[in-house]
N, C-alpha and C. Protein backbone atom coordinates (compact mmCIF):
# COMPACT_ATOMS: atom_id res chain seq x y z
N UNK A 1 29.87 63.16 -143.88
CA UNK A 1 30.30 63.90 -144.92
C UNK A 1 30.29 65.52 -144.55
N UNK A 2 31.05 66.59 -144.45
CA UNK A 2 30.91 67.89 -143.92
C UNK A 2 30.89 68.36 -145.08
N UNK A 3 29.93 68.82 -145.58
CA UNK A 3 29.23 69.45 -146.75
C UNK A 3 28.76 70.82 -146.69
N UNK A 4 29.11 71.67 -148.02
CA UNK A 4 28.06 73.11 -148.01
C UNK A 4 28.18 73.39 -149.29
N UNK A 5 26.93 74.01 -149.54
CA UNK A 5 26.98 74.58 -151.03
C UNK A 5 26.35 75.71 -150.88
N UNK A 6 27.01 77.35 -151.28
CA UNK A 6 27.00 78.57 -151.13
C UNK A 6 26.75 79.19 -152.31
N UNK A 7 25.26 80.05 -152.56
CA UNK A 7 25.06 80.34 -153.69
C UNK A 7 25.20 82.06 -153.43
N UNK A 8 26.26 82.65 -154.29
CA UNK A 8 25.98 83.94 -153.73
C UNK A 8 25.81 85.01 -154.82
N UNK A 9 24.94 85.57 -154.94
CA UNK A 9 24.72 86.83 -156.32
C UNK A 9 24.45 87.92 -155.99
N UNK A 10 24.89 88.62 -156.22
CA UNK A 10 24.90 90.42 -156.34
C UNK A 10 24.90 90.86 -157.46
N UNK A 11 24.94 92.08 -157.54
CA UNK A 11 25.12 93.09 -158.99
C UNK A 11 26.14 93.03 -159.59
N UNK A 12 27.73 92.17 -158.80
CA UNK A 12 28.87 92.23 -159.29
C UNK A 12 29.16 91.07 -159.57
N UNK A 13 28.38 90.09 -158.74
CA UNK A 13 29.33 88.58 -159.35
C UNK A 13 27.85 87.36 -158.77
N UNK A 14 28.30 86.43 -159.44
CA UNK A 14 27.44 85.52 -159.26
C UNK A 14 28.20 84.30 -158.70
N UNK A 15 28.28 83.32 -158.08
CA UNK A 15 29.17 82.50 -157.48
C UNK A 15 28.27 81.49 -157.05
N UNK A 16 28.86 80.25 -157.01
CA UNK A 16 28.19 78.93 -156.55
C UNK A 16 29.75 78.23 -155.95
N UNK A 17 29.42 78.05 -154.93
CA UNK A 17 30.97 77.25 -154.05
C UNK A 17 30.01 75.78 -153.43
N UNK A 18 30.86 74.81 -154.30
CA UNK A 18 30.32 73.43 -153.57
C UNK A 18 32.17 72.94 -152.49
N UNK A 19 31.50 72.20 -151.12
CA UNK A 19 33.23 72.01 -150.51
C UNK A 19 32.51 71.20 -149.69
N UNK A 20 33.27 70.01 -150.22
CA UNK A 20 33.21 68.75 -149.15
C UNK A 20 34.81 68.67 -148.33
N UNK A 21 34.73 69.02 -147.09
CA UNK A 21 36.08 68.67 -146.15
C UNK A 21 36.27 67.45 -146.11
N UNK A 22 35.40 66.38 -146.13
CA UNK A 22 36.43 65.08 -146.25
C UNK A 22 36.33 64.60 -147.48
N UNK A 23 37.14 65.12 -148.79
CA UNK A 23 37.10 64.96 -149.58
C UNK A 23 38.58 64.37 -150.33
N UNK A 24 38.90 64.14 -151.46
CA UNK A 24 40.08 63.65 -152.04
C UNK A 24 40.79 64.68 -152.95
N UNK A 25 40.28 65.68 -153.02
CA UNK A 25 41.11 67.27 -153.45
C UNK A 25 40.37 67.08 -155.30
N UNK A 26 39.17 66.51 -155.24
CA UNK A 26 38.17 66.94 -156.52
C UNK A 26 37.30 67.79 -156.47
N UNK A 27 37.19 68.21 -157.96
CA UNK A 27 36.28 69.45 -158.32
C UNK A 27 36.64 70.30 -159.55
N UNK A 28 35.94 70.91 -159.61
CA UNK A 28 35.72 72.03 -161.13
C UNK A 28 36.01 73.44 -160.88
N UNK A 29 36.94 73.96 -161.24
CA UNK A 29 37.06 75.82 -160.60
C UNK A 29 36.91 76.47 -161.65
N UNK A 30 36.30 77.11 -162.31
CA UNK A 30 36.06 78.36 -163.05
C UNK A 30 35.78 79.33 -162.55
N UNK A 31 36.55 80.85 -162.43
CA UNK A 31 36.31 81.73 -161.63
C UNK A 31 36.07 82.88 -162.75
N UNK A 32 36.63 82.35 -164.09
CA UNK A 32 36.77 83.94 -165.07
C UNK A 32 38.22 84.61 -164.97
N UNK A 33 38.78 84.23 -163.75
CA UNK A 33 40.01 84.81 -163.03
C UNK A 33 41.24 83.58 -163.25
N UNK A 34 41.77 83.56 -164.36
CA UNK A 34 42.97 82.42 -164.50
C UNK A 34 43.65 82.11 -163.31
N UNK A 35 44.48 82.57 -163.17
CA UNK A 35 45.43 82.62 -162.16
C UNK A 35 44.85 82.44 -160.59
N UNK A 36 43.67 82.92 -160.72
CA UNK A 36 43.04 82.42 -159.23
C UNK A 36 42.21 80.81 -159.46
N UNK A 37 42.17 80.67 -160.30
CA UNK A 37 41.79 79.32 -160.46
C UNK A 37 42.82 78.10 -160.17
N UNK A 38 44.05 78.98 -160.67
CA UNK A 38 45.31 77.96 -160.29
C UNK A 38 45.63 78.21 -158.77
N UNK A 39 45.42 79.06 -158.18
CA UNK A 39 45.30 79.27 -156.39
C UNK A 39 44.43 78.24 -155.61
N UNK A 40 43.09 78.62 -156.45
CA UNK A 40 42.38 77.66 -155.75
C UNK A 40 42.71 76.38 -155.80
N UNK A 41 43.26 75.72 -157.02
CA UNK A 41 43.61 74.62 -157.50
C UNK A 41 44.39 73.95 -156.23
N UNK A 42 45.12 75.16 -156.14
CA UNK A 42 46.38 74.53 -154.69
C UNK A 42 45.70 74.22 -153.28
N UNK A 43 44.41 75.10 -153.10
CA UNK A 43 43.91 74.52 -151.85
C UNK A 43 43.19 73.37 -151.49
N UNK A 44 42.59 73.06 -152.76
CA UNK A 44 41.76 72.03 -153.22
C UNK A 44 42.80 70.52 -153.00
N UNK A 45 43.95 70.80 -153.94
CA UNK A 45 44.82 69.08 -153.50
C UNK A 45 45.40 69.54 -152.85
N UNK A 46 46.29 70.25 -152.12
CA UNK A 46 46.85 70.06 -150.88
C UNK A 46 46.23 70.29 -149.76
N UNK A 47 44.88 70.72 -149.54
CA UNK A 47 43.67 71.09 -148.52
C UNK A 47 42.86 69.42 -148.37
N UNK A 48 43.24 68.80 -149.71
CA UNK A 48 42.04 67.44 -149.69
C UNK A 48 40.83 67.65 -149.34
N UNK A 49 40.63 68.36 -150.02
CA UNK A 49 39.10 68.77 -149.90
C UNK A 49 38.40 68.94 -151.23
N UNK A 50 37.07 68.42 -151.64
CA UNK A 50 36.71 68.43 -152.51
C UNK A 50 36.11 69.67 -153.16
N UNK A 51 36.12 70.73 -153.88
CA UNK A 51 36.02 72.07 -154.08
C UNK A 51 35.84 72.19 -155.20
N UNK A 52 34.44 72.74 -155.64
CA UNK A 52 34.17 73.14 -157.16
C UNK A 52 33.55 74.94 -156.79
N UNK A 53 34.17 75.73 -157.39
CA UNK A 53 33.68 76.98 -157.60
C UNK A 53 33.28 77.30 -159.29
N UNK A 54 31.96 77.92 -159.40
CA UNK A 54 31.47 78.40 -160.82
C UNK A 54 31.09 80.05 -160.07
N UNK A 55 32.04 80.87 -161.12
CA UNK A 55 31.74 82.34 -160.84
C UNK A 55 31.99 83.18 -161.92
N UNK A 56 30.68 83.98 -162.26
CA UNK A 56 30.87 85.28 -163.36
C UNK A 56 31.10 86.50 -162.32
N UNK A 57 31.98 87.25 -162.98
CA UNK A 57 31.93 88.56 -162.37
C UNK A 57 32.13 89.61 -163.21
N UNK A 58 32.32 91.01 -163.01
CA UNK A 58 32.65 92.12 -163.54
C UNK A 58 33.72 92.19 -163.49
N UNK A 59 34.19 91.59 -164.27
CA UNK A 59 35.97 91.39 -164.59
C UNK A 59 36.25 92.41 -166.01
N UNK A 60 35.14 92.71 -166.45
CA UNK A 60 35.34 93.89 -167.77
C UNK A 60 35.71 95.11 -166.80
N UNK A 61 35.67 95.16 -165.16
CA UNK A 61 36.18 96.29 -164.89
C UNK A 61 37.36 96.35 -163.92
N UNK A 62 37.62 95.19 -163.26
CA UNK A 62 38.77 94.58 -162.87
C UNK A 62 38.40 93.31 -162.20
N UNK A 63 39.37 92.69 -161.56
CA UNK A 63 39.01 90.99 -161.05
C UNK A 63 38.78 91.32 -159.32
N UNK A 64 38.59 92.44 -158.76
CA UNK A 64 38.23 92.58 -157.25
C UNK A 64 37.30 91.88 -156.80
N UNK A 65 36.25 92.56 -157.71
CA UNK A 65 35.02 92.10 -156.86
C UNK A 65 34.54 90.53 -157.00
N UNK A 66 34.77 90.23 -157.96
CA UNK A 66 34.96 88.29 -158.36
C UNK A 66 35.96 87.45 -157.06
N UNK A 67 37.35 88.27 -157.05
CA UNK A 67 38.42 87.46 -156.11
C UNK A 67 37.75 87.83 -154.65
N UNK A 68 37.37 89.07 -154.19
CA UNK A 68 36.92 89.27 -152.92
C UNK A 68 35.61 88.07 -152.56
N UNK A 69 34.42 88.08 -153.66
CA UNK A 69 33.54 87.83 -153.36
C UNK A 69 33.16 86.28 -153.34
N UNK A 70 34.50 85.54 -154.01
CA UNK A 70 34.72 84.16 -153.76
C UNK A 70 35.29 83.99 -152.35
N UNK A 71 36.29 84.89 -151.62
CA UNK A 71 36.83 84.62 -150.73
C UNK A 71 35.53 84.40 -149.99
N UNK A 72 34.87 85.14 -149.71
CA UNK A 72 33.49 85.35 -148.70
C UNK A 72 33.05 84.20 -149.02
N UNK A 73 32.68 83.81 -150.20
CA UNK A 73 31.89 82.75 -150.21
C UNK A 73 31.96 81.31 -149.84
N UNK A 74 33.55 81.11 -150.09
CA UNK A 74 33.95 80.20 -149.60
C UNK A 74 34.36 80.12 -148.32
N UNK A 75 34.20 80.90 -147.91
CA UNK A 75 34.13 81.20 -146.13
C UNK A 75 33.00 80.80 -145.53
N UNK A 76 31.77 81.25 -145.91
CA UNK A 76 30.73 80.98 -145.42
C UNK A 76 30.55 79.80 -145.81
N UNK A 77 31.22 78.98 -146.86
CA UNK A 77 30.86 77.49 -146.98
C UNK A 77 31.85 76.69 -145.96
N UNK A 78 32.89 77.11 -145.77
CA UNK A 78 33.63 76.64 -144.18
C UNK A 78 33.22 76.61 -143.54
N UNK A 79 32.33 77.91 -142.79
CA UNK A 79 32.07 77.61 -141.63
C UNK A 79 30.51 76.69 -141.51
N UNK A 80 29.82 76.74 -142.80
CA UNK A 80 28.91 75.87 -142.76
C UNK A 80 29.26 74.40 -142.74
N UNK A 81 30.40 73.84 -143.35
CA UNK A 81 30.85 72.56 -143.49
C UNK A 81 31.37 72.01 -142.17
N UNK A 82 32.14 73.02 -141.44
CA UNK A 82 32.43 72.80 -140.25
C UNK A 82 31.56 72.34 -138.86
N UNK A 83 30.08 73.29 -139.05
CA UNK A 83 29.35 72.86 -138.22
C UNK A 83 29.64 73.88 -136.93
N UNK A 84 29.17 72.70 -135.62
CA UNK A 84 29.77 73.12 -133.96
C UNK A 84 31.41 72.96 -133.78
N UNK A 85 32.10 72.22 -134.92
CA UNK A 85 33.32 72.08 -134.70
C UNK A 85 34.02 71.18 -133.44
N UNK A 86 33.05 70.53 -132.68
CA UNK A 86 33.31 69.37 -132.01
C UNK A 86 34.28 68.16 -132.33
N UNK A 87 35.24 68.12 -131.96
CA UNK A 87 36.43 66.83 -132.45
C UNK A 87 37.44 67.22 -133.15
N UNK A 88 37.30 68.52 -133.79
CA UNK A 88 38.42 68.80 -135.08
C UNK A 88 39.41 69.13 -134.20
N UNK A 89 40.68 69.22 -134.82
CA UNK A 89 42.00 69.55 -134.28
C UNK A 89 41.97 70.92 -133.86
N UNK A 90 41.65 72.11 -135.04
CA UNK A 90 41.11 73.42 -134.72
C UNK A 90 42.46 74.14 -135.08
N UNK A 91 43.81 73.57 -134.72
CA UNK A 91 44.95 74.65 -135.24
C UNK A 91 45.53 73.74 -136.16
N UNK A 92 45.96 74.48 -137.29
CA UNK A 92 46.90 74.04 -138.36
C UNK A 92 48.08 74.80 -138.91
N UNK A 93 48.81 74.37 -139.22
CA UNK A 93 50.11 75.03 -139.81
C UNK A 93 50.96 74.30 -140.96
N UNK A 94 51.74 75.21 -141.71
CA UNK A 94 52.37 74.70 -142.72
C UNK A 94 53.10 75.16 -142.94
N UNK A 95 54.72 75.03 -143.53
CA UNK A 95 55.77 75.65 -144.43
C UNK A 95 56.06 74.85 -145.45
N UNK A 96 55.62 75.75 -146.33
CA UNK A 96 56.16 75.40 -147.90
C UNK A 96 56.79 76.06 -148.85
N UNK A 97 57.44 75.36 -149.30
CA UNK A 97 59.24 75.94 -150.24
C UNK A 97 58.03 75.87 -151.38
N UNK A 98 58.55 76.80 -152.69
CA UNK A 98 58.93 76.44 -154.02
C UNK A 98 59.81 77.19 -154.84
N UNK A 99 60.63 76.43 -154.97
CA UNK A 99 62.24 76.83 -155.45
C UNK A 99 62.86 78.00 -154.46
N UNK A 100 62.58 79.22 -154.37
CA UNK A 100 63.29 79.61 -153.68
C UNK A 100 62.22 80.49 -152.74
N UNK A 101 61.22 80.37 -152.47
CA UNK A 101 59.88 81.09 -151.80
C UNK A 101 59.50 80.23 -150.75
N UNK A 102 59.41 80.75 -149.68
CA UNK A 102 58.94 79.91 -148.69
C UNK A 102 58.11 80.68 -147.74
N UNK A 103 56.64 79.90 -147.35
CA UNK A 103 55.60 80.52 -147.26
C UNK A 103 55.43 79.81 -145.88
N UNK A 104 54.81 80.36 -144.87
CA UNK A 104 54.53 79.67 -143.47
C UNK A 104 52.63 79.88 -143.39
N UNK A 105 51.48 79.53 -143.09
CA UNK A 105 50.40 80.03 -142.64
C UNK A 105 50.37 79.15 -141.42
N UNK A 106 49.61 79.59 -140.86
CA UNK A 106 49.11 79.48 -139.58
C UNK A 106 47.69 79.64 -138.99
N UNK A 107 46.49 78.63 -139.15
CA UNK A 107 45.49 78.62 -138.58
C UNK A 107 44.93 78.52 -137.35
N UNK A 108 43.68 79.12 -136.90
CA UNK A 108 43.26 78.82 -135.92
C UNK A 108 41.64 79.11 -135.90
N UNK A 109 40.84 77.87 -135.92
CA UNK A 109 39.33 78.10 -136.35
C UNK A 109 38.87 78.57 -135.12
N UNK A 110 38.84 79.63 -134.47
CA UNK A 110 38.75 80.49 -133.31
C UNK A 110 36.78 80.57 -133.17
N UNK A 111 36.64 80.97 -134.33
CA UNK A 111 35.51 81.64 -134.24
C UNK A 111 35.48 83.08 -134.25
N UNK A 112 36.95 83.30 -134.45
CA UNK A 112 36.84 84.89 -134.26
C UNK A 112 37.78 85.35 -135.92
N UNK A 113 37.46 86.17 -136.10
CA UNK A 113 37.90 86.41 -137.77
C UNK A 113 39.34 87.56 -137.29
N UNK A 114 40.45 86.96 -138.16
CA UNK A 114 41.49 87.78 -137.75
C UNK A 114 42.65 87.16 -139.04
N UNK A 115 42.92 88.54 -139.72
CA UNK A 115 43.98 88.52 -140.63
C UNK A 115 45.25 88.93 -140.67
N UNK A 116 46.39 88.22 -140.23
CA UNK A 116 47.47 88.98 -140.05
C UNK A 116 48.59 88.30 -141.62
N UNK A 117 48.74 89.39 -142.20
CA UNK A 117 49.23 89.30 -143.59
C UNK A 117 50.43 89.83 -144.01
N UNK A 118 51.77 89.06 -144.07
CA UNK A 118 52.86 89.53 -144.45
C UNK A 118 53.54 88.97 -145.75
N UNK A 119 52.93 89.61 -146.77
CA UNK A 119 53.79 89.08 -147.89
C UNK A 119 53.82 90.37 -148.84
N UNK A 120 55.54 90.29 -148.96
CA UNK A 120 56.17 91.76 -149.55
C UNK A 120 56.38 90.87 -150.93
N UNK A 121 55.43 91.31 -151.97
CA UNK A 121 55.58 90.40 -153.42
C UNK A 121 56.84 91.19 -154.22
N UNK A 122 57.56 90.81 -155.06
CA UNK A 122 58.42 90.96 -155.61
C UNK A 122 57.80 91.60 -156.97
N UNK A 123 56.68 91.92 -157.16
CA UNK A 123 56.06 92.70 -158.18
C UNK A 123 54.92 92.48 -158.14
N UNK A 124 54.17 94.01 -158.73
CA UNK A 124 52.44 94.22 -158.38
C UNK A 124 51.66 93.34 -159.63
N UNK A 125 52.24 92.53 -160.16
CA UNK A 125 51.32 92.11 -161.25
C UNK A 125 51.93 90.62 -161.60
N UNK A 126 51.22 89.51 -161.69
CA UNK A 126 51.57 88.25 -162.10
C UNK A 126 50.88 88.13 -163.32
N UNK A 127 51.23 88.27 -164.42
CA UNK A 127 50.60 88.18 -165.40
C UNK A 127 50.00 89.57 -165.42
N UNK A 128 48.40 89.36 -165.88
CA UNK A 128 47.14 90.14 -165.39
C UNK A 128 46.60 90.07 -164.40
N UNK A 129 47.32 89.71 -163.05
CA UNK A 129 46.64 89.58 -161.96
C UNK A 129 47.24 90.39 -160.82
N UNK A 130 46.35 91.11 -160.33
CA UNK A 130 46.77 92.24 -159.02
C UNK A 130 47.28 91.40 -157.99
N UNK A 131 48.42 91.71 -157.58
CA UNK A 131 49.09 90.53 -156.31
C UNK A 131 48.02 91.39 -155.09
N UNK A 132 47.66 92.34 -155.36
CA UNK A 132 46.65 92.93 -153.82
C UNK A 132 45.58 92.12 -153.69
N UNK A 133 45.13 91.29 -154.45
CA UNK A 133 43.98 90.89 -154.78
C UNK A 133 44.27 89.89 -153.77
N UNK A 134 45.10 88.58 -153.76
CA UNK A 134 45.33 87.67 -152.58
C UNK A 134 45.15 87.92 -151.54
N UNK A 135 45.01 89.20 -150.56
CA UNK A 135 45.00 89.94 -149.24
C UNK A 135 43.68 90.03 -149.28
N UNK A 136 42.62 90.63 -150.43
CA UNK A 136 41.30 90.92 -150.27
C UNK A 136 40.64 89.39 -150.37
N UNK A 137 41.04 88.36 -150.96
CA UNK A 137 40.66 87.28 -150.73
C UNK A 137 40.71 86.53 -149.47
N UNK A 138 41.92 86.53 -148.62
CA UNK A 138 41.83 85.78 -147.35
C UNK A 138 41.05 86.91 -146.49
N UNK A 139 41.03 88.21 -146.90
CA UNK A 139 39.93 88.76 -145.78
C UNK A 139 38.83 88.68 -146.07
N UNK A 140 38.39 88.52 -146.97
CA UNK A 140 36.62 87.90 -147.29
C UNK A 140 36.54 86.45 -146.44
N UNK A 141 37.68 85.62 -146.88
CA UNK A 141 37.57 84.00 -146.40
C UNK A 141 37.40 84.30 -144.85
N UNK A 142 38.65 85.11 -144.31
CA UNK A 142 38.23 84.67 -142.89
C UNK A 142 37.41 85.66 -142.10
N UNK A 143 37.01 86.69 -142.54
CA UNK A 143 35.65 87.61 -141.93
C UNK A 143 34.47 86.59 -142.07
N UNK A 144 34.15 85.44 -142.89
CA UNK A 144 32.96 84.71 -143.21
C UNK A 144 33.31 83.09 -142.58
N UNK A 145 34.58 82.80 -142.75
CA UNK A 145 34.55 81.59 -142.19
C UNK A 145 34.82 81.59 -140.46
N UNK A 146 35.35 83.04 -140.13
CA UNK A 146 35.29 83.20 -138.63
C UNK A 146 36.70 82.64 -138.29
N UNK A 147 37.34 82.64 -138.80
CA UNK A 147 38.91 81.76 -138.26
C UNK A 147 40.09 83.22 -138.24
N UNK A 148 41.15 82.73 -137.76
CA UNK A 148 42.15 83.64 -137.69
C UNK A 148 43.59 83.03 -138.38
N UNK A 149 44.18 83.38 -139.06
CA UNK A 149 44.97 82.94 -140.36
C UNK A 149 45.97 84.04 -140.04
N UNK A 150 47.47 83.36 -139.77
CA UNK A 150 48.62 84.24 -140.20
C UNK A 150 49.44 83.59 -140.99
N UNK A 151 49.83 84.58 -142.41
CA UNK A 151 50.10 84.45 -143.46
C UNK A 151 51.49 85.11 -143.76
N UNK A 152 52.72 84.29 -143.57
CA UNK A 152 53.92 85.14 -143.61
C UNK A 152 54.66 84.06 -145.10
N UNK A 153 54.92 85.25 -145.88
CA UNK A 153 55.94 84.75 -146.68
C UNK A 153 57.17 84.90 -146.41
N UNK A 154 58.64 83.92 -146.27
CA UNK A 154 59.54 84.16 -145.04
C UNK A 154 60.52 84.80 -146.28
N UNK A 155 60.54 84.25 -147.70
CA UNK A 155 61.58 84.14 -148.57
C UNK A 155 60.56 84.37 -149.74
N UNK A 156 61.57 84.90 -150.98
CA UNK A 156 60.52 84.48 -152.36
C UNK A 156 61.18 85.57 -153.28
N UNK A 157 61.64 85.79 -154.24
CA UNK A 157 61.88 86.54 -155.49
C UNK A 157 61.21 86.70 -156.75
N UNK A 158 60.16 85.34 -156.80
CA UNK A 158 59.58 85.23 -158.12
C UNK A 158 58.13 85.63 -157.41
N UNK A 159 57.08 86.47 -157.74
CA UNK A 159 55.75 86.52 -157.45
C UNK A 159 55.11 85.42 -157.50
N UNK A 160 54.97 84.78 -158.61
CA UNK A 160 54.33 83.61 -158.76
C UNK A 160 54.61 82.55 -157.50
N UNK A 161 55.78 82.03 -157.44
CA UNK A 161 56.11 81.37 -156.57
C UNK A 161 55.86 81.84 -154.69
N UNK A 162 55.93 83.16 -154.69
CA UNK A 162 55.55 83.59 -153.72
C UNK A 162 54.06 83.21 -153.07
N UNK A 163 53.27 83.57 -154.19
CA UNK A 163 51.41 83.16 -154.46
C UNK A 163 51.31 81.72 -153.86
N UNK A 164 52.04 81.26 -155.27
CA UNK A 164 51.75 79.73 -154.94
C UNK A 164 52.13 79.14 -153.83
N UNK A 165 53.36 79.14 -153.20
CA UNK A 165 53.16 78.76 -151.59
C UNK A 165 52.98 79.08 -150.90
N UNK A 166 52.37 80.04 -150.70
CA UNK A 166 51.34 80.72 -149.76
C UNK A 166 50.11 79.78 -149.88
N UNK A 167 49.30 79.61 -151.17
CA UNK A 167 48.24 78.83 -151.07
C UNK A 167 48.30 77.61 -150.82
N UNK A 168 49.38 77.15 -151.12
CA UNK A 168 49.86 75.29 -150.96
C UNK A 168 50.10 75.52 -149.30
N UNK A 169 50.56 76.23 -148.63
CA UNK A 169 50.56 76.43 -147.06
C UNK A 169 49.13 76.50 -146.44
N UNK A 170 48.41 77.40 -147.05
CA UNK A 170 47.33 77.36 -146.97
C UNK A 170 46.42 76.04 -146.57
N UNK A 171 46.17 75.26 -148.06
CA UNK A 171 45.90 74.20 -148.49
C UNK A 171 46.31 73.05 -147.20
N UNK A 172 47.65 72.91 -147.10
CA UNK A 172 47.82 71.81 -145.69
C UNK A 172 47.59 72.30 -144.42
N UNK A 173 47.61 73.37 -143.67
CA UNK A 173 47.46 74.36 -142.88
C UNK A 173 45.59 73.70 -142.85
N UNK A 174 44.83 74.13 -143.56
CA UNK A 174 43.39 74.10 -143.66
C UNK A 174 43.15 72.16 -143.21
N UNK A 175 43.67 71.44 -144.06
CA UNK A 175 43.92 70.19 -144.10
C UNK A 175 44.18 69.54 -142.81
N UNK A 176 45.38 70.34 -141.73
CA UNK A 176 45.10 69.76 -140.50
C UNK A 176 44.26 70.42 -139.41
N UNK A 177 43.83 71.68 -139.80
CA UNK A 177 43.15 72.28 -138.82
C UNK A 177 41.43 71.28 -138.86
N UNK A 178 41.32 71.16 -139.84
CA UNK A 178 39.68 70.65 -139.68
C UNK A 178 39.80 69.23 -139.47
N UNK A 179 40.81 68.37 -139.86
CA UNK A 179 40.63 67.13 -139.23
C UNK A 179 40.28 66.88 -138.03
N UNK A 180 39.25 65.44 -137.95
CA UNK A 180 39.01 65.31 -136.74
C UNK A 180 40.38 64.25 -136.33
N UNK A 181 39.86 64.65 -134.33
CA UNK A 181 41.02 63.85 -133.85
C UNK A 181 40.34 62.83 -132.84
N UNK A 182 40.49 61.73 -133.29
CA UNK A 182 39.67 60.77 -132.89
C UNK A 182 40.18 60.60 -130.72
N UNK A 183 40.90 61.38 -130.52
CA UNK A 183 41.16 61.33 -129.18
C UNK A 183 40.24 62.44 -128.46
N UNK A 184 40.01 63.60 -129.20
CA UNK A 184 38.60 64.50 -128.59
C UNK A 184 37.60 63.72 -128.41
N UNK A 185 37.25 62.33 -128.89
CA UNK A 185 35.84 61.62 -128.59
C UNK A 185 34.87 62.46 -129.04
N UNK A 186 34.92 63.37 -129.73
CA UNK A 186 33.51 64.61 -130.17
C UNK A 186 33.43 65.67 -128.81
N UNK A 187 34.43 66.09 -128.55
CA UNK A 187 34.64 66.80 -127.28
C UNK A 187 34.96 68.69 -128.20
N UNK A 188 34.70 69.72 -127.63
CA UNK A 188 34.90 70.90 -127.85
C UNK A 188 36.41 71.34 -128.06
N UNK A 189 37.08 71.45 -129.13
CA UNK A 189 38.62 71.92 -128.95
C UNK A 189 38.66 73.63 -127.99
N UNK A 190 37.88 73.85 -126.64
CA UNK A 190 38.05 74.89 -126.49
C UNK A 190 37.62 74.62 -124.93
N UNK A 191 38.60 75.37 -124.20
CA UNK A 191 38.23 75.21 -122.25
C UNK A 191 36.98 76.48 -122.57
N UNK A 192 36.31 77.16 -123.23
CA UNK A 192 34.87 77.89 -123.36
C UNK A 192 34.12 76.95 -123.60
N UNK A 193 33.96 75.98 -124.24
CA UNK A 193 33.20 74.86 -124.63
C UNK A 193 32.55 75.38 -125.92
N UNK A 194 32.96 76.40 -126.52
CA UNK A 194 32.41 76.82 -127.72
C UNK A 194 33.81 77.39 -128.92
N UNK A 195 33.33 77.20 -129.90
CA UNK A 195 33.77 78.18 -130.65
C UNK A 195 33.31 79.03 -132.05
N UNK A 196 32.28 79.46 -131.62
CA UNK A 196 31.37 80.16 -132.28
C UNK A 196 31.38 81.83 -132.22
N UNK A 197 32.33 81.81 -131.09
CA UNK A 197 32.29 83.56 -130.72
C UNK A 197 33.64 83.57 -129.93
């Protein structure tokens, strides 16, 4: 089983992430940011990964540090759980609709960090949640998982639907990318022979 546990403690946040890439979508998420909990649940369920996250942060200031640091810790967990990446599919993609919203996420577990994010939200806040923090979450994730992600919201007028379709598409694309391909027979999915840089 490809598992990892990351503990991140700073003066701003205290975070524990437990990840099992070969799971069934189980786990408990409590970040102190309710909308983020809802979005992380989409990754867990649609990615079929077991994911538990417990976090406390300086949300009395705002949610920025908590959201960003959870992205960092989840990225670290993903990198650790993947190991040397031998035998994985490596690439993943998904189109996910949610009513009027349609999002596309494409992943390369390349060993190189890159986020290409094109989401024009219809409003700046979803309840008490600042939509700018979604990009911050994914920046933290890609920089520490060492992966490339293209995220595009292709249509949408409801910000909640836009965000949720993005996270569902990420979960589905991740599920594909981390899958083991039996035809690879443990080979590295790269002509370089490595996916670490």
